[in-house]
Amino acid sequence: MIQIDRLRMHLPAGFQHRATSIALLVGQALSKQSVPRDVSLKSLSIKPIMLPANQSDSDIAQQIVTRIVAAYEGGQS
């Protein structure tokens, strides 16, 4: 499981109303992740993701989770 105390997202114009849904989906997906080792990070940043307007909140959340897990496993901070 990966635990995040605070999640800050910068979303494109028009996505603001979707932030809560996306954040909840990210949290749910991260809570189900199995990670090989414990790492404590003060912060973690991921590269921006291109978001088509018709992409679902679930798809966006999964892209974010994939990048968080990749960064976590690499021990980046």
PDB file of N, CA and C in Angstrom:
ATOM      1  N   MET A   1       0.843  -1.187   0.000  1.00  0.00           N
ATOM      2  CA  MET A   1       0.000   0.000   0.000  1.00  0.00           C
ATOM      3  C   MET A   1       0.877   1.236   0.000  1.00  0.00           C
ATOM      4  N   ILE A   2       0.462   2.218  -0.706  1.00  0.00           N
ATOM      5  CA  ILE A   2       1.125   3.517  -0.724  1.00  0.00           C
ATOM      6  C   ILE A   2       0.187   4.506  -0.046  1.00  0.00           C
ATOM      7  N   GLN A   3       0.722   5.237   0.903  1.00  0.00           N
ATOM      8  CA  GLN A   3      -0.086   6.226   1.623  1.00  0.00           C
ATOM      9  C   GLN A   3       0.408   7.621   1.267  1.00  0.00           C
ATOM     10  N   ILE A   4      -0.513   8.490   0.934  1.00  0.00           N
ATOM     11  CA  ILE A   4      -0.193   9.879   0.606  1.00  0.00           C
ATOM     12  C   ILE A   4      -0.957  10.770   1.576  1.00  0.00           C
ATOM     13  N   ASP A   5      -0.230  11.680   2.214  1.00  0.00           N
ATOM     14  CA  ASP A   5      -0.873  12.592   3.156  1.00  0.00           C
ATOM     15  C   ASP A   5      -1.544  13.761   2.455  1.00  0.00           C
ATOM     16  N   ARG A   6      -0.934  14.215   1.364  1.00  0.00           N
ATOM     17  CA  ARG A   6      -1.501  15.351   0.643  1.00  0.00           C
ATOM     18  C   ARG A   6      -1.220  15.181  -0.846  1.00  0.00           C
ATOM     19  N   LEU A   7      -2.207  15.454  -1.653  1.00  0.00           N
ATOM     20  CA  LEU A   7      -2.089  15.342  -3.097  1.00  0.00           C
ATOM     21  C   LEU A   7      -2.448  16.691  -3.700  1.00  0.00           C
ATOM     22  N   ARG A   8      -1.525  17.230  -4.467  1.00  0.00           N
ATOM     23  CA  ARG A   8      -1.781  18.506  -5.135  1.00  0.00           C
ATOM     24  C   ARG A   8      -1.694  18.267  -6.640  1.00  0.00           C
ATOM     25  N   MET A   9      -2.746  18.632  -7.344  1.00  0.00           N
ATOM     26  CA  MET A   9      -2.784  18.441  -8.792  1.00  0.00           C
ATOM     27  C   MET A   9      -2.976  19.788  -9.475  1.00  0.00           C
ATOM     28  N   HIS A  10      -2.341  19.915 -10.593  1.00  0.00           N
ATOM     29  CA  HIS A  10      -2.543  21.080 -11.454  1.00  0.00           C
ATOM     30  C   HIS A  10      -3.242  20.559 -12.699  1.00  0.00           C
ATOM     31  N   LEU A  11      -4.507  20.866 -12.811  1.00  0.00           N
ATOM     32  CA  LEU A  11      -5.308  20.363 -13.920  1.00  0.00           C
ATOM     33  C   LEU A  11      -5.543  21.451 -14.957  1.00  0.00           C
ATOM     34  N   PRO A  12      -5.723  21.030 -16.212  1.00  0.00           N
ATOM     35  CA  PRO A  12      -5.998  22.010 -17.265  1.00  0.00           C
ATOM     36  C   PRO A  12      -7.339  22.708 -17.039  1.00  0.00           C
ATOM     37  N   ALA A  13      -7.491  23.838 -17.670  1.00  0.00           N
ATOM     38  CA  ALA A  13      -8.760  24.573 -17.610  1.00  0.00           C
ATOM     39  C   ALA A  13      -9.897  23.643 -18.011  1.00  0.00           C
ATOM     40  N   GLY A  14     -10.985  23.727 -17.281  1.00  0.00           N
ATOM     41  CA  GLY A  14     -12.138  22.890 -17.567  1.00  0.00           C
ATOM     42  C   GLY A  14     -12.164  21.580 -16.783  1.00  0.00           C
ATOM     43  N   PHE A  15     -11.075  21.251 -16.102  1.00  0.00           N
ATOM     44  CA  PHE A  15     -11.000  20.006 -15.336  1.00  0.00           C
ATOM     45  C   PHE A  15     -11.185  20.242 -13.837  1.00  0.00           C
ATOM     46  N   GLN A  16     -11.296  21.495 -13.401  1.00  0.00           N
ATOM     47  CA  GLN A  16     -11.342  21.804 -11.972  1.00  0.00           C
ATOM     48  C   GLN A  16     -12.453  21.051 -11.258  1.00  0.00           C
ATOM     49  N   HIS A  17     -13.608  20.961 -11.872  1.00  0.00           N
ATOM     50  CA  HIS A  17     -14.739  20.291 -11.240  1.00  0.00           C
ATOM     51  C   HIS A  17     -14.538  18.777 -11.114  1.00  0.00           C
ATOM     52  N   ARG A  18     -13.519  18.248 -11.772  1.00  0.00           N
ATOM     53  CA  ARG A  18     -13.240  16.814 -11.734  1.00  0.00           C
ATOM     54  C   ARG A  18     -12.151  16.458 -10.728  1.00  0.00           C
ATOM     55  N   ALA A  19     -11.526  17.451 -10.106  1.00  0.00           N
ATOM     56  CA  ALA A  19     -10.374  17.226  -9.226  1.00  0.00           C
ATOM     57  C   ALA A  19     -10.696  16.290  -8.063  1.00  0.00           C
ATOM     58  N   THR A  20     -11.818  16.485  -7.408  1.00  0.00           N
ATOM     59  CA  THR A  20     -12.166  15.653  -6.254  1.00  0.00           C
ATOM     60  C   THR A  20     -12.332  14.196  -6.665  1.00  0.00           C
ATOM     61  N   SER A  21     -13.035  13.970  -7.739  1.00  0.00           N
ATOM     62  CA  SER A  21     -13.245  12.607  -8.232  1.00  0.00           C
ATOM     63  C   SER A  21     -11.923  11.946  -8.600  1.00  0.00           C
ATOM     64  N   ILE A  22     -11.076  12.654  -9.310  1.00  0.00           N
ATOM     65  CA  ILE A  22      -9.779  12.113  -9.714  1.00  0.00           C
ATOM     66  C   ILE A  22      -8.928  11.803  -8.483  1.00  0.00           C
ATOM     67  N   ALA A  23      -8.896  12.721  -7.524  1.00  0.00           N
ATOM     68  CA  ALA A  23      -8.098  12.502  -6.306  1.00  0.00           C
ATOM     69  C   ALA A  23      -8.593  11.275  -5.533  1.00  0.00           C
ATOM     70  N   LEU A  24      -9.905  11.113  -5.416  1.00  0.00           N
ATOM     71  CA  LEU A  24     -10.450   9.942  -4.729  1.00  0.00           C
ATOM     72  C   LEU A  24     -10.084   8.646  -5.443  1.00  0.00           C
ATOM     73  N   LEU A  25     -10.160   8.658  -6.757  1.00  0.00           N
ATOM     74  CA  LEU A  25      -9.799   7.473  -7.539  1.00  0.00           C
ATOM     75  C   LEU A  25      -8.310   7.153  -7.415  1.00  0.00           C
ATOM     76  N   VAL A  26      -7.474   8.183  -7.378  1.00  0.00           N
ATOM     77  CA  VAL A  26      -6.032   7.974  -7.189  1.00  0.00           C
ATOM     78  C   VAL A  26      -5.804   7.324  -5.826  1.00  0.00           C
ATOM     79  N   GLY A  27      -6.437   7.854  -4.794  1.00  0.00           N
ATOM     80  CA  GLY A  27      -6.284   7.294  -3.451  1.00  0.00           C
ATOM     81  C   GLY A  27      -6.737   5.846  -3.370  1.00  0.00           C
ATOM     82  N   GLN A  28      -7.864   5.534  -3.971  1.00  0.00           N
ATOM     83  CA  GLN A  28      -8.367   4.157  -3.966  1.00  0.00           C
ATOM     84  C   GLN A  28      -7.395   3.213  -4.671  1.00  0.00           C
ATOM     85  N   ALA A  29      -6.897   3.634  -5.820  1.00  0.00           N
ATOM     86  CA  ALA A  29      -5.976   2.787  -6.585  1.00  0.00           C
ATOM     87  C   ALA A  29      -4.650   2.605  -5.850  1.00  0.00           C
ATOM     88  N   LEU A  30      -4.149   3.669  -5.227  1.00  0.00           N
ATOM     89  CA  LEU A  30      -2.886   3.556  -4.502  1.00  0.00           C
ATOM     90  C   LEU A  30      -3.013   2.648  -3.289  1.00  0.00           C
ATOM     91  N   SER A  31      -4.166   2.649  -2.642  1.00  0.00           N
ATOM     92  CA  SER A  31      -4.345   1.817  -1.451  1.00  0.00           C
ATOM     93  C   SER A  31      -4.301   0.328  -1.798  1.00  0.00           C
ATOM     94  N   LYS A  32      -4.502   0.008  -3.059  1.00  0.00           N
ATOM     95  CA  LYS A  32      -4.498  -1.391  -3.502  1.00  0.00           C
ATOM     96  C   LYS A  32      -3.153  -1.816  -4.081  1.00  0.00           C
ATOM     97  N   GLN A  33      -2.224  -0.875  -4.210  1.00  0.00           N
ATOM     98  CA  GLN A  33      -0.928  -1.178  -4.804  1.00  0.00           C
ATOM     99  C   GLN A  33      -0.059  -1.979  -3.842  1.00  0.00           C
ATOM    100  N   SER A  34       0.629  -2.941  -4.381  1.00  0.00           N
ATOM    101  CA  SER A  34       1.606  -3.703  -3.612  1.00  0.00           C
ATOM    102  C   SER A  34       2.985  -3.191  -4.015  1.00  0.00           C
ATOM    103  N   VAL A  35       3.771  -2.799  -3.026  1.00  0.00           N
ATOM    104  CA  VAL A  35       5.108  -2.275  -3.312  1.00  0.00           C
ATOM    105  C   VAL A  35       6.144  -3.158  -2.636  1.00  0.00           C
ATOM    106  N   PRO A  36       7.299  -3.326  -3.279  1.00  0.00           N
ATOM    107  CA  PRO A  36       8.290  -4.284  -2.793  1.00  0.00           C
ATOM    108  C   PRO A  36       9.042  -3.857  -1.535  1.00  0.00           C
ATOM    109  N   ARG A  37       9.072  -2.568  -1.243  1.00  0.00           N
ATOM    110  CA  ARG A  37       9.845  -2.115  -0.092  1.00  0.00           C
ATOM    111  C   ARG A  37       9.264  -0.816   0.435  1.00  0.00           C
ATOM    112  N   ASP A  38       9.594  -0.521   1.699  1.00  0.00           N
ATOM    113  CA  ASP A  38       9.140   0.726   2.300  1.00  0.00           C
ATOM    114  C   ASP A  38      10.076   1.852   1.904  1.00  0.00           C
ATOM    115  N   VAL A  39       9.504   2.949   1.499  1.00  0.00           N
ATOM    116  CA  VAL A  39      10.250   4.158   1.181  1.00  0.00           C
ATOM    117  C   VAL A  39       9.462   5.318   1.759  1.00  0.00           C
ATOM    118  N   SER A  40      10.160   6.215   2.407  1.00  0.00           N
ATOM    119  CA  SER A  40       9.513   7.404   2.936  1.00  0.00           C
ATOM    120  C   SER A  40      10.012   8.602   2.147  1.00  0.00           C
ATOM    121  N   LEU A  41       9.101   9.309   1.534  1.00  0.00           N
ATOM    122  CA  LEU A  41       9.447  10.463   0.714  1.00  0.00           C
ATOM    123  C   LEU A  41       8.729  11.694   1.242  1.00  0.00           C
ATOM    124  N   LYS A  42       9.450  12.803   1.341  1.00  0.00           N
ATOM    125  CA  LYS A  42       8.802  14.055   1.746  1.00  0.00           C
ATOM    126  C   LYS A  42       7.904  14.571   0.637  1.00  0.00           C
ATOM    127  N   SER A  43       8.358  14.386  -0.580  1.00  0.00           N
ATOM    128  CA  SER A  43       7.552  14.816  -1.719  1.00  0.00           C
ATOM    129  C   SER A  43       7.902  13.960  -2.925  1.00  0.00           C
ATOM    130  N   LEU A  44       7.000  13.970  -3.876  1.00  0.00           N
ATOM    131  CA  LEU A  44       7.181  13.220  -5.099  1.00  0.00           C
ATOM    132  C   LEU A  44       6.470  13.989  -6.198  1.00  0.00           C
ATOM    133  N   SER A  45       7.151  14.222  -7.276  1.00  0.00           N
ATOM    134  CA  SER A  45       6.544  14.918  -8.409  1.00  0.00           C
ATOM    135  C   SER A  45       6.556  14.002  -9.613  1.00  0.00           C
ATOM    136  N   ILE A  46       5.523  14.104 -10.416  1.00  0.00           N
ATOM    137  CA  ILE A  46       5.479  13.351 -11.662  1.00  0.00           C
ATOM    138  C   ILE A  46       5.398  14.350 -12.813  1.00  0.00           C
ATOM    139  N   LYS A  47       5.823  13.893 -13.969  1.00  0.00           N
ATOM    140  CA  LYS A  47       5.776  14.747 -15.154  1.00  0.00           C
ATOM    141  C   LYS A  47       4.326  14.956 -15.572  1.00  0.00           C
ATOM    142  N   PRO A  48       4.044  16.085 -16.188  1.00  0.00           N
ATOM    143  CA  PRO A  48       2.671  16.365 -16.643  1.00  0.00           C
ATOM    144  C   PRO A  48       2.152  15.286 -17.596  1.00  0.00           C
ATOM    145  N   ILE A  49       0.872  15.081 -17.549  1.00  0.00           N
ATOM    146  CA  ILE A  49       0.190  14.109 -18.402  1.00  0.00           C
ATOM    147  C   ILE A  49      -0.723  14.876 -19.351  1.00  0.00           C
ATOM    148  N   MET A  50      -0.678  14.525 -20.608  1.00  0.00           N
ATOM    149  CA  MET A  50      -1.586  15.145 -21.575  1.00  0.00           C
ATOM    150  C   MET A  50      -2.980  14.551 -21.358  1.00  0.00           C
ATOM    151  N   LEU A  51      -3.969  15.409 -21.162  1.00  0.00           N
ATOM    152  CA  LEU A  51      -5.312  14.962 -20.834  1.00  0.00           C
ATOM    153  C   LEU A  51      -6.335  15.414 -21.874  1.00  0.00           C
ATOM    154  N   PRO A  52      -6.771  14.506 -22.724  1.00  0.00           N
ATOM    155  CA  PRO A  52      -7.863  14.861 -23.635  1.00  0.00           C
ATOM    156  C   PRO A  52      -9.138  15.105 -22.825  1.00  0.00           C
ATOM    157  N   ALA A  53      -9.948  16.033 -23.254  1.00  0.00           N
ATOM    158  CA  ALA A  53     -11.164  16.402 -22.519  1.00  0.00           C
ATOM    159  C   ALA A  53     -12.119  15.230 -22.348  1.00  0.00           C
ATOM    160  N   ASN A  54     -12.107  14.275 -23.264  1.00  0.00           N
ATOM    161  CA  ASN A  54     -13.056  13.157 -23.192  1.00  0.00           C
ATOM    162  C   ASN A  54     -12.514  11.962 -22.409  1.00  0.00           C
ATOM    163  N   GLN A  55     -11.351  12.095 -21.800  1.00  0.00           N
ATOM    164  CA  GLN A  55     -10.784  10.995 -21.025  1.00  0.00           C
ATOM    165  C   GLN A  55     -11.501  10.888 -19.679  1.00  0.00           C
ATOM    166  N   SER A  56     -11.803   9.666 -19.263  1.00  0.00           N
ATOM    167  CA  SER A  56     -12.552   9.470 -18.018  1.00  0.00           C
ATOM    168  C   SER A  56     -11.676   9.774 -16.799  1.00  0.00           C
ATOM    169  N   ASP A  57     -12.338  10.107 -15.690  1.00  0.00           N
ATOM    170  CA  ASP A  57     -11.619  10.352 -14.444  1.00  0.00           C
ATOM    171  C   ASP A  57     -10.821   9.122 -14.038  1.00  0.00           C
ATOM    172  N   SER A  58     -11.391   7.946 -14.249  1.00  0.00           N
ATOM    173  CA  SER A  58     -10.721   6.697 -13.913  1.00  0.00           C
ATOM    174  C   SER A  58      -9.434   6.516 -14.718  1.00  0.00           C
ATOM    175  N   ASP A  59      -9.493   6.816 -16.007  1.00  0.00           N
ATOM    176  CA  ASP A  59      -8.297   6.708 -16.853  1.00  0.00           C
ATOM    177  C   ASP A  59      -7.224   7.700 -16.415  1.00  0.00           C
ATOM    178  N   ILE A  60      -7.637   8.905 -16.093  1.00  0.00           N
ATOM    179  CA  ILE A  60      -6.693   9.928 -15.634  1.00  0.00           C
ATOM    180  C   ILE A  60      -6.048   9.482 -14.330  1.00  0.00           C
ATOM    181  N   ALA A  61      -6.862   8.996 -13.399  1.00  0.00           N
ATOM    182  CA  ALA A  61      -6.340   8.532 -12.113  1.00  0.00           C
ATOM    183  C   ALA A  61      -5.348   7.398 -12.313  1.00  0.00           C
ATOM    184  N   GLN A  62      -5.657   6.477 -13.207  1.00  0.00           N
ATOM    185  CA  GLN A  62      -4.750   5.348 -13.433  1.00  0.00           C
ATOM    186  C   GLN A  62      -3.409   5.810 -14.000  1.00  0.00           C
ATOM    187  N   GLN A  63      -3.429   6.793 -14.876  1.00  0.00           N
ATOM    188  CA  GLN A  63      -2.172   7.343 -15.403  1.00  0.00           C
ATOM    189  C   GLN A  63      -1.347   7.966 -14.282  1.00  0.00           C
ATOM    190  N   ILE A  64      -2.008   8.673 -13.391  1.00  0.00           N
ATOM    191  CA  ILE A  64      -1.315   9.299 -12.260  1.00  0.00           C
ATOM    192  C   ILE A  64      -0.720   8.225 -11.356  1.00  0.00           C
ATOM    193  N   VAL A  65      -1.505   7.203 -11.046  1.00  0.00           N
ATOM    194  CA  VAL A  65      -1.041   6.114 -10.180  1.00  0.00           C
ATOM    195  C   VAL A  65       0.161   5.405 -10.804  1.00  0.00           C
ATOM    196  N   THR A  66       0.093   5.135 -12.088  1.00  0.00           N
ATOM    197  CA  THR A  66       1.209   4.464 -12.772  1.00  0.00           C
ATOM    198  C   THR A  66       2.487   5.266 -12.617  1.00  0.00           C
ATOM    199  N   ARG A  67       2.404   6.563 -12.756  1.00  0.00           N
ATOM    200  CA  ARG A  67       3.592   7.413 -12.626  1.00  0.00           C
ATOM    201  C   ARG A  67       4.065   7.521 -11.173  1.00  0.00           C
ATOM    202  N   ILE A  68       3.136   7.568 -10.238  1.00  0.00           N
ATOM    203  CA  ILE A  68       3.520   7.617  -8.819  1.00  0.00           C
ATOM    204  C   ILE A  68       4.253   6.333  -8.438  1.00  0.00           C
ATOM    205  N   VAL A  69       3.714   5.191  -8.829  1.00  0.00           N
ATOM    206  CA  VAL A  69       4.331   3.911  -8.494  1.00  0.00           C
ATOM    207  C   VAL A  69       5.719   3.808  -9.132  1.00  0.00           C
ATOM    208  N   ALA A  70       5.835   4.229 -10.385  1.00  0.00           N
ATOM    209  CA  ALA A  70       7.135   4.176 -11.054  1.00  0.00           C
ATOM    210  C   ALA A  70       8.156   5.050 -10.334  1.00  0.00           C
ATOM    211  N   ALA A  71       7.749   6.236  -9.920  1.00  0.00           N
ATOM    212  CA  ALA A  71       8.646   7.135  -9.206  1.00  0.00           C
ATOM    213  C   ALA A  71       8.982   6.590  -7.819  1.00  0.00           C
ATOM    214  N   TYR A  72       8.007   6.018  -7.147  1.00  0.00           N
ATOM    215  CA  TYR A  72       8.185   5.439  -5.820  1.00  0.00           C
ATOM    216  C   TYR A  72       9.175   4.278  -5.880  1.00  0.00           C
ATOM    217  N   GLU A  73       8.983   3.405  -6.856  1.00  0.00           N
ATOM    218  CA  GLU A  73       9.859   2.241  -6.976  1.00  0.00           C
ATOM    219  C   GLU A  73      11.282   2.642  -7.343  1.00  0.00           C
ATOM    220  N   GLY A  74      11.420   3.775  -8.009  1.00  0.00           N
ATOM    221  CA  GLY A  74      12.745   4.271  -8.339  1.00  0.00           C
ATOM    222  C   GLY A  74      13.384   5.032  -7.185  1.00  0.00           C
ATOM    223  N   GLY A  75      12.609   5.262  -6.141  1.00  0.00           N
ATOM    224  CA  GLY A  75      13.121   5.971  -4.968  1.00  0.00           C
ATOM    225  C   GLY A  75      13.360   7.440  -5.193  1.00  0.00           C
ATOM    226  N   GLN A  76      12.719   7.987  -6.211  1.00  0.00           N
ATOM    227  CA  GLN A  76      12.881   9.402  -6.508  1.00  0.00           C
ATOM    228  C   GLN A  76      12.151  10.229  -5.463  1.00  0.00           C
ATOM    229  N   SER A  77      12.700  11.387  -5.148  1.00  0.00           N
ATOM    230  CA  SER A  77      12.002  12.269  -4.222  1.00  0.00           C
ATOM    231  C   SER A  77      12.007  13.680  -4.732  1.00  0.00           C
TER     232      SER A  77
END
